Amino acid sequence: MLVPDDLYYTETHEWVRVDNGIATVGITDFAQKELGDIVYLELPDIGTKVSAGEPCGTIEAVKSAEDLVSPISGVIEEKNLEAEESPEIINKSPYEEGWLFRVHLSNLEELEDLLSPRDYSKLIEAL
């Protein structure tokens, strides 16, 4: 499984990349493989307030539907319209083109609660 070393991770298999107070969020390579072919994506609207650990959207695959859980708190700055229109892009490129949304962080300390790449790798190896 691909686990880039420049990201933060959650136990629910989201990743976070932070740049100048803006967090880009997506699902991990492990998550997209577990879900299978992704067929539908509902992302939070721009301006929506999200809270760490709370559902903020939906991702559906051929075999299941799951809540998207925000790994951090803040306000949605942008959502990936291309991924909403063509959700299969998440299967092809979960860390680049398949990102889900961007959040203006309201609490940088929440990043301390996320997993390091090493800890996330250990988590998925145990599954």
C-alpha atoms as a PDB file:
ATOM      1  CA  MET A   1       0.000   0.000   0.000  1.00  0.00           C
ATOM      2  CA  LEU A   2       1.158   3.476  -0.819  1.00  0.00           C
ATOM      3  CA  VAL A   3       1.609   5.672   2.314  1.00  0.00           C
ATOM      4  CA  PRO A   4       3.284   8.982   1.376  1.00  0.00           C
ATOM      5  CA  ASP A   5       5.549  10.263   4.129  1.00  0.00           C
ATOM      6  CA  ASP A   6       4.513  13.929   3.859  1.00  0.00           C
ATOM      7  CA  LEU A   7       0.903  13.470   5.047  1.00  0.00           C
ATOM      8  CA  TYR A   8      -1.073  13.033   8.246  1.00  0.00           C
ATOM      9  CA  TYR A   9      -3.521  10.108   8.530  1.00  0.00           C
ATOM     10  CA  THR A  10      -6.603   9.030  10.477  1.00  0.00           C
ATOM     11  CA  GLU A  11      -7.722   5.673  11.801  1.00  0.00           C
ATOM     12  CA  THR A  12     -10.718   5.996   9.445  1.00  0.00           C
ATOM     13  CA  HIS A  13      -8.323   6.132   6.461  1.00  0.00           C
ATOM     14  CA  GLU A  14      -8.373   9.803   5.479  1.00  0.00           C
ATOM     15  CA  TRP A  15      -5.176  11.714   4.718  1.00  0.00           C
ATOM     16  CA  VAL A  16      -4.361  15.384   5.309  1.00  0.00           C
ATOM     17  CA  ARG A  17      -1.784  17.611   3.575  1.00  0.00           C
ATOM     18  CA  VAL A  18      -1.291  21.043   5.169  1.00  0.00           C
ATOM     19  CA  ASP A  19      -0.030  24.101   3.322  1.00  0.00           C
ATOM     20  CA  ASN A  20      -0.258  27.627   4.802  1.00  0.00           C
ATOM     21  CA  GLY A  21      -3.194  26.829   7.086  1.00  0.00           C
ATOM     22  CA  ILE A  22      -5.173  25.049   4.378  1.00  0.00           C
ATOM     23  CA  ALA A  23      -5.636  21.292   4.712  1.00  0.00           C
ATOM     24  CA  THR A  24      -6.277  19.162   1.642  1.00  0.00           C
ATOM     25  CA  VAL A  25      -8.185  15.981   2.566  1.00  0.00           C
ATOM     26  CA  GLY A  26      -8.617  12.690   0.734  1.00  0.00           C
ATOM     27  CA  ILE A  27      -8.952   8.972   1.366  1.00  0.00           C
ATOM     28  CA  THR A  28      -5.944   6.698   1.473  1.00  0.00           C
ATOM     29  CA  ASP A  29      -4.805   4.127  -1.050  1.00  0.00           C
ATOM     30  CA  PHE A  30      -5.794   1.456   1.479  1.00  0.00           C
ATOM     31  CA  ALA A  31      -9.322   2.902   1.765  1.00  0.00           C
ATOM     32  CA  GLN A  32      -9.930   3.091  -1.978  1.00  0.00           C
ATOM     33  CA  LYS A  33      -8.742  -0.511  -2.412  1.00  0.00           C
ATOM     34  CA  GLU A  34     -11.006  -1.697   0.411  1.00  0.00           C
ATOM     35  CA  LEU A  35     -14.004   0.160  -1.054  1.00  0.00           C
ATOM     36  CA  GLY A  36     -13.463  -1.075  -4.592  1.00  0.00           C
ATOM     37  CA  ASP A  37     -14.834   0.831  -7.582  1.00  0.00           C
ATOM     38  CA  ILE A  38     -16.058   4.218  -6.343  1.00  0.00           C
ATOM     39  CA  VAL A  39     -19.240   5.271  -8.135  1.00  0.00           C
ATOM     40  CA  TYR A  40     -20.630   8.255  -6.190  1.00  0.00           C
ATOM     41  CA  LEU A  41     -19.256  11.086  -4.102  1.00  0.00           C
ATOM     42  CA  GLU A  42     -21.054  13.758  -2.077  1.00  0.00           C
ATOM     43  CA  LEU A  43     -18.709  16.441  -0.739  1.00  0.00           C
ATOM     44  CA  PRO A  44     -19.415  19.293   1.674  1.00  0.00           C
ATOM     45  CA  ASP A  45     -20.252  22.652   0.086  1.00  0.00           C
ATOM     46  CA  ILE A  46     -17.878  25.601   0.134  1.00  0.00           C
ATOM     47  CA  GLY A  47     -18.417  27.638   3.309  1.00  0.00           C
ATOM     48  CA  THR A  48     -19.602  24.644   5.334  1.00  0.00           C
ATOM     49  CA  LYS A  49     -18.119  24.311   8.820  1.00  0.00           C
ATOM     50  CA  VAL A  50     -16.725  20.849   9.507  1.00  0.00           C
ATOM     51  CA  SER A  51     -15.589  19.324  12.792  1.00  0.00           C
ATOM     52  CA  ALA A  52     -12.859  16.783  13.396  1.00  0.00           C
ATOM     53  CA  GLY A  53     -14.265  13.268  13.640  1.00  0.00           C
ATOM     54  CA  GLU A  54     -17.687  14.222  12.264  1.00  0.00           C
ATOM     55  CA  PRO A  55     -19.284  13.034   8.998  1.00  0.00           C
ATOM     56  CA  CYS A  56     -19.303  15.665   6.243  1.00  0.00           C
ATOM     57  CA  GLY A  57     -20.133  13.747   3.077  1.00  0.00           C
ATOM     58  CA  THR A  58     -20.655  10.345   1.499  1.00  0.00           C
ATOM     59  CA  ILE A  59     -18.581   8.025  -0.647  1.00  0.00           C
ATOM     60  CA  GLU A  60     -20.237   5.080  -2.393  1.00  0.00           C
ATOM     61  CA  ALA A  61     -18.657   2.117  -4.070  1.00  0.00           C
ATOM     62  CA  VAL A  62     -20.203  -0.810  -5.892  1.00  0.00           C
ATOM     63  CA  LYS A  63     -20.242  -2.870  -2.690  1.00  0.00           C
ATOM     64  CA  SER A  64     -20.786  -0.273   0.079  1.00  0.00           C
ATOM     65  CA  ALA A  65     -21.462   3.315   1.114  1.00  0.00           C
ATOM     66  CA  GLU A  66     -19.464   5.105   3.808  1.00  0.00           C
ATOM     67  CA  ASP A  67     -19.544   8.469   5.540  1.00  0.00           C
ATOM     68  CA  LEU A  68     -16.678  10.809   4.770  1.00  0.00           C
ATOM     69  CA  VAL A  69     -15.297  11.913   8.116  1.00  0.00           C
ATOM     70  CA  SER A  70     -13.497  15.225   8.422  1.00  0.00           C
ATOM     71  CA  PRO A  71     -10.107  14.689  10.062  1.00  0.00           C
ATOM     72  CA  ILE A  72      -9.857  18.342  11.109  1.00  0.00           C
ATOM     73  CA  SER A  73     -12.095  21.295  11.998  1.00  0.00           C
ATOM     74  CA  GLY A  74     -12.559  24.397   9.892  1.00  0.00           C
ATOM     75  CA  VAL A  75     -14.433  25.861   6.939  1.00  0.00           C
ATOM     76  CA  ILE A  76     -14.564  24.267   3.496  1.00  0.00           C
ATOM     77  CA  GLU A  77     -12.575  26.421   1.059  1.00  0.00           C
ATOM     78  CA  GLU A  78     -12.812  24.212  -2.020  1.00  0.00           C
ATOM     79  CA  LYS A  79     -14.156  20.862  -3.128  1.00  0.00           C
ATOM     80  CA  ASN A  80     -12.916  18.673  -5.947  1.00  0.00           C
ATOM     81  CA  LEU A  81     -15.652  19.042  -8.569  1.00  0.00           C
ATOM     82  CA  GLU A  82     -13.807  16.712 -10.930  1.00  0.00           C
ATOM     83  CA  ALA A  83     -13.914  13.938  -8.313  1.00  0.00           C
ATOM     84  CA  GLU A  84     -17.632  14.542  -7.713  1.00  0.00           C
ATOM     85  CA  GLU A  85     -18.325  14.256 -11.446  1.00  0.00           C
ATOM     86  CA  SER A  86     -15.932  11.322 -12.022  1.00  0.00           C
ATOM     87  CA  PRO A  87     -15.446   9.576  -8.651  1.00  0.00           C
ATOM     88  CA  GLU A  88     -13.411   6.774 -10.229  1.00  0.00           C
ATOM     89  CA  ILE A  89     -10.502   9.249 -10.217  1.00  0.00           C
ATOM     90  CA  ILE A  90     -10.122   8.446  -6.501  1.00  0.00           C
ATOM     91  CA  ASN A  91      -9.326   4.820  -7.372  1.00  0.00           C
ATOM     92  CA  LYS A  92      -6.722   5.922  -9.908  1.00  0.00           C
ATOM     93  CA  SER A  93      -5.053   8.738  -7.939  1.00  0.00           C
ATOM     94  CA  PRO A  94      -6.117   8.899  -4.262  1.00  0.00           C
ATOM     95  CA  TYR A  95      -3.275  11.247  -3.225  1.00  0.00           C
ATOM     96  CA  GLU A  96      -3.148  13.640  -6.172  1.00  0.00           C
ATOM     97  CA  GLU A  97      -6.062  14.114  -8.578  1.00  0.00           C
ATOM     98  CA  GLY A  98      -8.486  12.262  -6.263  1.00  0.00           C
ATOM     99  CA  TRP A  99      -8.274  14.703  -3.333  1.00  0.00           C
ATOM    100  CA  LEU A 100     -11.703  15.488  -1.874  1.00  0.00           C
ATOM    101  CA  PHE A 101     -11.845  18.925  -0.251  1.00  0.00           C
ATOM    102  CA  ARG A 102      -9.770  21.744   1.233  1.00  0.00           C
ATOM    103  CA  VAL A 103     -10.385  23.181   4.693  1.00  0.00           C
ATOM    104  CA  HIS A 104      -9.204  26.437   6.244  1.00  0.00           C
ATOM    105  CA  LEU A 105      -8.002  25.055   9.574  1.00  0.00           C
ATOM    106  CA  SER A 106      -9.538  26.492  12.724  1.00  0.00           C
ATOM    107  CA  ASN A 107      -7.368  24.541  15.184  1.00  0.00           C
ATOM    108  CA  LEU A 108      -3.814  23.582  14.195  1.00  0.00           C
ATOM    109  CA  GLU A 109      -3.448  21.587  17.426  1.00  0.00           C
ATOM    110  CA  GLU A 110      -5.814  18.955  15.988  1.00  0.00           C
ATOM    111  CA  LEU A 111      -2.989  17.861  13.688  1.00  0.00           C
ATOM    112  CA  GLU A 112      -1.275  16.414  16.778  1.00  0.00           C
ATOM    113  CA  ASP A 113      -4.168  13.932  17.084  1.00  0.00           C
ATOM    114  CA  LEU A 114      -3.551  12.508  13.604  1.00  0.00           C
ATOM    115  CA  LEU A 115      -1.332   9.546  12.759  1.00  0.00           C
ATOM    116  CA  SER A 116       2.171   9.784  11.339  1.00  0.00           C
ATOM    117  CA  PRO A 117       2.917   7.829   8.144  1.00  0.00           C
ATOM    118  CA  ARG A 118       4.771   5.261  10.247  1.00  0.00           C
ATOM    119  CA  ASP A 119       1.865   4.827  12.680  1.00  0.00           C
ATOM    120  CA  TYR A 120      -0.637   4.596   9.820  1.00  0.00           C
ATOM    121  CA  SER A 121       1.480   1.950   8.098  1.00  0.00           C
ATOM    122  CA  LYS A 122       1.465  -0.090  11.309  1.00  0.00           C
ATOM    123  CA  LEU A 123      -2.312   0.293  11.563  1.00  0.00           C
ATOM    124  CA  ILE A 124      -3.030  -1.048   8.070  1.00  0.00           C
ATOM    125  CA  GLU A 125      -0.470  -3.843   8.420  1.00  0.00           C
ATOM    126  CA  ALA A 126      -2.403  -5.058  11.476  1.00  0.00           C
ATOM    127  CA  LEU A 127      -5.699  -5.213   9.558  1.00  0.00           C
END
